PDB file of N, CA and C in Angstrom:
ATOM      1  N   MET A   1       0.835  -1.176   0.000  1.00  0.00           N
ATOM      2  CA  MET A   1       0.000   0.000   0.000  1.00  0.00           C
ATOM      3  C   MET A   1       0.884   1.244   0.000  1.00  0.00           C
ATOM      4  N   ILE A   2       0.595   2.174  -0.867  1.00  0.00           N
ATOM      5  CA  ILE A   2       1.348   3.417  -0.968  1.00  0.00           C
ATOM      6  C   ILE A   2       0.789   4.406   0.051  1.00  0.00           C
ATOM      7  N   GLU A   3       1.675   5.006   0.846  1.00  0.00           N
ATOM      8  CA  GLU A   3       1.231   5.970   1.844  1.00  0.00           C
ATOM      9  C   GLU A   3       0.918   7.296   1.160  1.00  0.00           C
ATOM     10  N   ASP A   4      -0.277   7.799   1.388  1.00  0.00           N
ATOM     11  CA  ASP A   4      -0.747   9.046   0.794  1.00  0.00           C
ATOM     12  C   ASP A   4      -0.599  10.165   1.828  1.00  0.00           C
ATOM     13  N   PRO A   5       0.222  11.197   1.577  1.00  0.00           N
ATOM     14  CA  PRO A   5       0.391  12.271   2.566  1.00  0.00           C
ATOM     15  C   PRO A   5      -0.890  13.072   2.785  1.00  0.00           C
ATOM     16  N   TRP A   6      -1.805  13.064   1.830  1.00  0.00           N
ATOM     17  CA  TRP A   6      -3.052  13.819   1.964  1.00  0.00           C
ATOM     18  C   TRP A   6      -4.075  13.077   2.830  1.00  0.00           C
ATOM     19  N   HIS A   7      -3.970  11.746   2.879  1.00  0.00           N
ATOM     20  CA  HIS A   7      -4.890  10.920   3.672  1.00  0.00           C
ATOM     21  C   HIS A   7      -4.077   9.932   4.516  1.00  0.00           C
ATOM     22  N   PRO A   8      -3.397  10.415   5.581  1.00  0.00           N
ATOM     23  CA  PRO A   8      -2.561   9.519   6.384  1.00  0.00           C
ATOM     24  C   PRO A   8      -3.400   8.490   7.130  1.00  0.00           C
ATOM     25  N   ILE A   9      -2.786   7.359   7.440  1.00  0.00           N
ATOM     26  CA  ILE A   9      -3.457   6.324   8.222  1.00  0.00           C
ATOM     27  C   ILE A   9      -3.367   6.709   9.693  1.00  0.00           C
ATOM     28  N   VAL A  10      -4.528   6.749  10.355  1.00  0.00           N
ATOM     29  CA  VAL A  10      -4.625   7.230  11.732  1.00  0.00           C
ATOM     30  C   VAL A  10      -5.442   6.227  12.547  1.00  0.00           C
ATOM     31  N   THR A  11      -5.124   6.086  13.827  1.00  0.00           N
ATOM     32  CA  THR A  11      -5.928   5.277  14.740  1.00  0.00           C
ATOM     33  C   THR A  11      -6.767   6.217  15.591  1.00  0.00           C
ATOM     34  N   VAL A  12      -8.078   5.932  15.664  1.00  0.00           N
ATOM     35  CA  VAL A  12      -8.981   6.749  16.473  1.00  0.00           C
ATOM     36  C   VAL A  12      -9.624   5.880  17.545  1.00  0.00           C
ATOM     37  N   GLN A  13      -9.920   6.494  18.688  1.00  0.00           N
ATOM     38  CA  GLN A  13     -10.599   5.792  19.777  1.00  0.00           C
ATOM     39  C   GLN A  13     -12.084   6.090  19.677  1.00  0.00           C
ATOM     40  N   LEU A  14     -12.878   5.029  19.503  1.00  0.00           N
ATOM     41  CA  LEU A  14     -14.323   5.197  19.367  1.00  0.00           C
ATOM     42  C   LEU A  14     -14.974   5.309  20.739  1.00  0.00           C
ATOM     43  N   SER A  15     -14.693   4.361  21.621  1.00  0.00           N
ATOM     44  CA  SER A  15     -15.184   4.414  23.002  1.00  0.00           C
ATOM     45  C   SER A  15     -14.424   3.394  23.828  1.00  0.00           C
ATOM     46  N   GLY A  16     -14.118   3.727  25.043  1.00  0.00           N
ATOM     47  CA  GLY A  16     -13.399   2.805  25.923  1.00  0.00           C
ATOM     48  C   GLY A  16     -12.144   2.267  25.285  1.00  0.00           C
ATOM     49  N   SER A  17     -12.108   0.965  25.064  1.00  0.00           N
ATOM     50  CA  SER A  17     -10.933   0.337  24.456  1.00  0.00           C
ATOM     51  C   SER A  17     -11.150  -0.009  22.991  1.00  0.00           C
ATOM     52  N   ILE A  18     -12.233   0.486  22.387  1.00  0.00           N
ATOM     53  CA  ILE A  18     -12.529   0.205  20.984  1.00  0.00           C
ATOM     54  C   ILE A  18     -11.844   1.238  20.102  1.00  0.00           C
ATOM     55  N   THR A  19     -10.999   0.755  19.182  1.00  0.00           N
ATOM     56  CA  THR A  19     -10.281   1.643  18.270  1.00  0.00           C
ATOM     57  C   THR A  19     -10.531   1.209  16.828  1.00  0.00           C
ATOM     58  N   ALA A  20     -10.297   2.125  15.912  1.00  0.00           N
ATOM     59  CA  ALA A  20     -10.394   1.845  14.480  1.00  0.00           C
ATOM     60  C   ALA A  20      -9.215   2.524  13.805  1.00  0.00           C
ATOM     61  N   GLN A  21      -8.754   1.938  12.712  1.00  0.00           N
ATOM     62  CA  GLN A  21      -7.597   2.484  12.018  1.00  0.00           C
ATOM     63  C   GLN A  21      -7.864   2.525  10.527  1.00  0.00           C
ATOM     64  N   GLY A  22      -7.443   3.626   9.887  1.00  0.00           N
ATOM     65  CA  GLY A  22      -7.588   3.755   8.451  1.00  0.00           C
ATOM     66  C   GLY A  22      -7.174   5.136   7.979  1.00  0.00           C
ATOM     67  N   PRO A  23      -7.230   5.367   6.668  1.00  0.00           N
ATOM     68  CA  PRO A  23      -6.881   6.689   6.139  1.00  0.00           C
ATOM     69  C   PRO A  23      -7.972   7.707   6.462  1.00  0.00           C
ATOM     70  N   THR A  24      -7.582   8.963   6.607  1.00  0.00           N
ATOM     71  CA  THR A  24      -8.554  10.008   6.905  1.00  0.00           C
ATOM     72  C   THR A  24      -9.503  10.207   5.725  1.00  0.00           C
ATOM     73  N   VAL A  25     -10.739  10.594   6.029  1.00  0.00           N
ATOM     74  CA  VAL A  25     -11.735  10.843   4.988  1.00  0.00           C
ATOM     75  C   VAL A  25     -11.437  12.177   4.305  1.00  0.00           C
ATOM     76  N   GLU A  26     -11.219  13.207   5.107  1.00  0.00           N
ATOM     77  CA  GLU A  26     -10.878  14.532   4.588  1.00  0.00           C
ATOM     78  C   GLU A  26      -9.362  14.641   4.434  1.00  0.00           C
ATOM     79  N   GLU A  27      -8.923  15.529   3.560  1.00  0.00           N
ATOM     80  CA  GLU A  27      -7.485  15.723   3.354  1.00  0.00           C
ATOM     81  C   GLU A  27      -6.836  16.396   4.554  1.00  0.00           C
ATOM     82  N   ALA A  28      -5.634  15.936   4.906  1.00  0.00           N
ATOM     83  CA  ALA A  28      -4.856  16.552   5.974  1.00  0.00           C
ATOM     84  C   ALA A  28      -4.121  17.772   5.420  1.00  0.00           C
ATOM     85  N   ASP A  29      -3.809  18.714   6.300  1.00  0.00           N
ATOM     86  CA  ASP A  29      -3.042  19.896   5.902  1.00  0.00           C
ATOM     87  C   ASP A  29      -1.562  19.552   6.086  1.00  0.00           C
ATOM     88  N   VAL A  30      -0.895  19.166   4.998  1.00  0.00           N
ATOM     89  CA  VAL A  30       0.497  18.724   5.103  1.00  0.00           C
ATOM     90  C   VAL A  30       1.451  19.866   5.414  1.00  0.00           C
ATOM     91  N   ARG A  31       1.103  21.091   5.053  1.00  0.00           N
ATOM     92  CA  ARG A  31       1.990  22.224   5.362  1.00  0.00           C
ATOM     93  C   ARG A  31       2.034  22.484   6.858  1.00  0.00           C
ATOM     94  N   ARG A  32       0.897  22.404   7.521  1.00  0.00           N
ATOM     95  CA  ARG A  32       0.837  22.642   8.971  1.00  0.00           C
ATOM     96  C   ARG A  32       0.959  21.358   9.773  1.00  0.00           C
ATOM     97  N   GLN A  33       0.959  20.214   9.089  1.00  0.00           N
ATOM     98  CA  GLN A  33       0.994  18.901   9.720  1.00  0.00           C
ATOM     99  C   GLN A  33      -0.135  18.742  10.728  1.00  0.00           C
ATOM    100  N   SER A  34      -1.361  19.047  10.274  1.00  0.00           N
ATOM    101  CA  SER A  34      -2.519  18.918  11.151  1.00  0.00           C
ATOM    102  C   SER A  34      -3.574  18.021  10.509  1.00  0.00           C
ATOM    103  N   LEU A  35      -4.343  17.374  11.364  1.00  0.00           N
ATOM    104  CA  LEU A  35      -5.400  16.480  10.905  1.00  0.00           C
ATOM    105  C   LEU A  35      -6.726  17.222  10.809  1.00  0.00           C
ATOM    106  N   PRO A  36      -7.614  16.768   9.923  1.00  0.00           N
ATOM    107  CA  PRO A  36      -8.892  17.449   9.711  1.00  0.00           C
ATOM    108  C   PRO A  36      -9.947  17.051  10.748  1.00  0.00           C
ATOM    109  N   THR A  37      -9.842  17.575  11.968  1.00  0.00           N
ATOM    110  CA  THR A  37     -10.815  17.261  13.017  1.00  0.00           C
ATOM    111  C   THR A  37     -11.968  18.253  12.983  1.00  0.00           C
ATOM    112  N   ASP A  38     -13.090  17.851  13.580  1.00  0.00           N
ATOM    113  CA  ASP A  38     -14.218  18.768  13.686  1.00  0.00           C
ATOM    114  C   ASP A  38     -14.036  19.642  14.928  1.00  0.00           C
ATOM    115  N   MET A  39     -15.037  20.455  15.248  1.00  0.00           N
ATOM    116  CA  MET A  39     -14.887  21.383  16.373  1.00  0.00           C
ATOM    117  C   MET A  39     -14.831  20.678  17.731  1.00  0.00           C
ATOM    118  N   HIS A  40     -15.140  19.381  17.780  1.00  0.00           N
ATOM    119  CA  HIS A  40     -15.075  18.618  19.022  1.00  0.00           C
ATOM    120  C   HIS A  40     -13.816  17.761  19.096  1.00  0.00           C
ATOM    121  N   GLY A  41     -12.932  17.884  18.088  1.00  0.00           N
ATOM    122  CA  GLY A  41     -11.688  17.134  18.072  1.00  0.00           C
ATOM    123  C   GLY A  41     -11.830  15.725  17.532  1.00  0.00           C
ATOM    124  N   LYS A  42     -12.947  15.421  16.892  1.00  0.00           N
ATOM    125  CA  LYS A  42     -13.155  14.081  16.339  1.00  0.00           C
ATOM    126  C   LYS A  42     -12.711  14.028  14.886  1.00  0.00           C
ATOM    127  N   LEU A  43     -12.300  12.839  14.466  1.00  0.00           N
ATOM    128  CA  LEU A  43     -11.727  12.618  13.155  1.00  0.00           C
ATOM    129  C   LEU A  43     -12.406  11.422  12.498  1.00  0.00           C
ATOM    130  N   ALA A  44     -12.693  11.521  11.204  1.00  0.00           N
ATOM    131  CA  ALA A  44     -13.310  10.425  10.458  1.00  0.00           C
ATOM    132  C   ALA A  44     -12.241   9.679   9.666  1.00  0.00           C
ATOM    133  N   VAL A  45     -12.257   8.336   9.784  1.00  0.00           N
ATOM    134  CA  VAL A  45     -11.331   7.487   9.030  1.00  0.00           C
ATOM    135  C   VAL A  45     -12.125   6.424   8.273  1.00  0.00           C
ATOM    136  N   ARG A  46     -11.599   6.025   7.116  1.00  0.00           N
ATOM    137  CA  ARG A  46     -12.211   4.942   6.339  1.00  0.00           C
ATOM    138  C   ARG A  46     -11.712   3.612   6.880  1.00  0.00           C
ATOM    139  N   THR A  47     -12.654   2.738   7.235  1.00  0.00           N
ATOM    140  CA  THR A  47     -12.274   1.423   7.742  1.00  0.00           C
ATOM    141  C   THR A  47     -12.627   0.322   6.748  1.00  0.00           C
ATOM    142  N   GLY A  48     -13.264   0.692   5.680  1.00  0.00           N
ATOM    143  CA  GLY A  48     -13.638  -0.252   4.640  1.00  0.00           C
ATOM    144  C   GLY A  48     -14.057   0.515   3.406  1.00  0.00           C
ATOM    145  N   GLU A  49     -14.547  -0.192   2.389  1.00  0.00           N
ATOM    146  CA  GLU A  49     -14.937   0.477   1.152  1.00  0.00           C
ATOM    147  C   GLU A  49     -16.080   1.462   1.372  1.00  0.00           C
ATOM    148  N   ASN A  50     -17.068   1.078   2.177  1.00  0.00           N
ATOM    149  CA  ASN A  50     -18.222   1.945   2.443  1.00  0.00           C
ATOM    150  C   ASN A  50     -18.412   2.206   3.925  1.00  0.00           C
ATOM    151  N   THR A  51     -17.372   2.031   4.728  1.00  0.00           N
ATOM    152  CA  THR A  51     -17.480   2.166   6.173  1.00  0.00           C
ATOM    153  C   THR A  51     -16.583   3.287   6.681  1.00  0.00           C
ATOM    154  N   VAL A  52     -17.153   4.126   7.555  1.00  0.00           N
ATOM    155  CA  VAL A  52     -16.408   5.237   8.151  1.00  0.00           C
ATOM    156  C   VAL A  52     -16.570   5.162   9.660  1.00  0.00           C
ATOM    157  N   ALA A  53     -15.487   5.361  10.398  1.00  0.00           N
ATOM    158  CA  ALA A  53     -15.522   5.420  11.858  1.00  0.00           C
ATOM    159  C   ALA A  53     -15.117   6.822  12.289  1.00  0.00           C
ATOM    160  N   VAL A  54     -15.796   7.331  13.320  1.00  0.00           N
ATOM    161  CA  VAL A  54     -15.503   8.678  13.820  1.00  0.00           C
ATOM    162  C   VAL A  54     -15.125   8.573  15.294  1.00  0.00           C
ATOM    163  N   GLY A  55     -13.964   9.141  15.641  1.00  0.00           N
ATOM    164  CA  GLY A  55     -13.508   9.115  17.025  1.00  0.00           C
ATOM    165  C   GLY A  55     -12.383  10.107  17.236  1.00  0.00           C
ATOM    166  N   ARG A  56     -11.811  10.073  18.431  1.00  0.00           N
ATOM    167  CA  ARG A  56     -10.695  10.972  18.754  1.00  0.00           C
ATOM    168  C   ARG A  56      -9.375  10.303  18.380  1.00  0.00           C
ATOM    169  N   PRO A  57      -8.493  11.033  17.685  1.00  0.00           N
ATOM    170  CA  PRO A  57      -7.186  10.448  17.346  1.00  0.00           C
ATOM    171  C   PRO A  57      -6.390  10.155  18.612  1.00  0.00           C
ATOM    172  N   ILE A  58      -5.716   9.006  18.637  1.00  0.00           N
ATOM    173  CA  ILE A  58      -4.906   8.669  19.806  1.00  0.00           C
ATOM    174  C   ILE A  58      -3.474   9.117  19.551  1.00  0.00           C
ATOM    175  N   GLN A  59      -2.754   9.336  20.634  1.00  0.00           N
ATOM    176  CA  GLN A  59      -1.370   9.794  20.546  1.00  0.00           C
ATOM    177  C   GLN A  59      -0.495   8.689  19.976  1.00  0.00           C
ATOM    178  N   LYS A  60       0.540   9.077  19.276  1.00  0.00           N
ATOM    179  CA  LYS A  60       1.502   8.128  18.732  1.00  0.00           C
ATOM    180  C   LYS A  60       2.223   7.471  19.903  1.00  0.00           C
ATOM    181  N   MET A  61       2.309   6.156  19.861  1.00  0.00           N
ATOM    182  CA  MET A  61       2.971   5.422  20.933  1.00  0.00           C
ATOM    183  C   MET A  61       4.230   4.757  20.389  1.00  0.00           C
ATOM    184  N   ARG A  62       5.278   4.755  21.166  1.00  0.00           N
ATOM    185  CA  ARG A  62       6.531   4.123  20.770  1.00  0.00           C
ATOM    186  C   ARG A  62       6.910   3.069  21.791  1.00  0.00           C
ATOM    187  N   LYS A  63       7.544   2.012  21.298  1.00  0.00           N
ATOM    188  CA  LYS A  63       8.030   0.977  22.207  1.00  0.00           C
ATOM    189  C   LYS A  63       9.257   1.501  22.950  1.00  0.00           C
ATOM    190  N   PRO A  64       9.343   1.220  24.238  1.00  0.00           N
ATOM    191  CA  PRO A  64      10.551   1.630  24.957  1.00  0.00           C
ATOM    192  C   PRO A  64      11.754   0.859  24.461  1.00  0.00           C
ATOM    193  N   SER A  65      12.901   1.536  24.323  1.00  0.00           N
ATOM    194  CA  SER A  65      14.091   0.842  23.805  1.00  0.00           C
ATOM    195  C   SER A  65      14.952   0.295  24.900  1.00  0.00           C
TER     196      SER A  65
END
């Protein structure tokens, strides 16, 4: 899969421990490096051909070295 800078793959938290991952529905602002969230901080991602999940983006996590 080719990574698209306009639609980055993001993980969002839907509720509790339920998460969804996929490319953003709206284009990201690559100049400002910001995601297209609504006024409540929620982000829509495509999880399938006709499926969209809306939730809060989770912080990037790294494994401890």
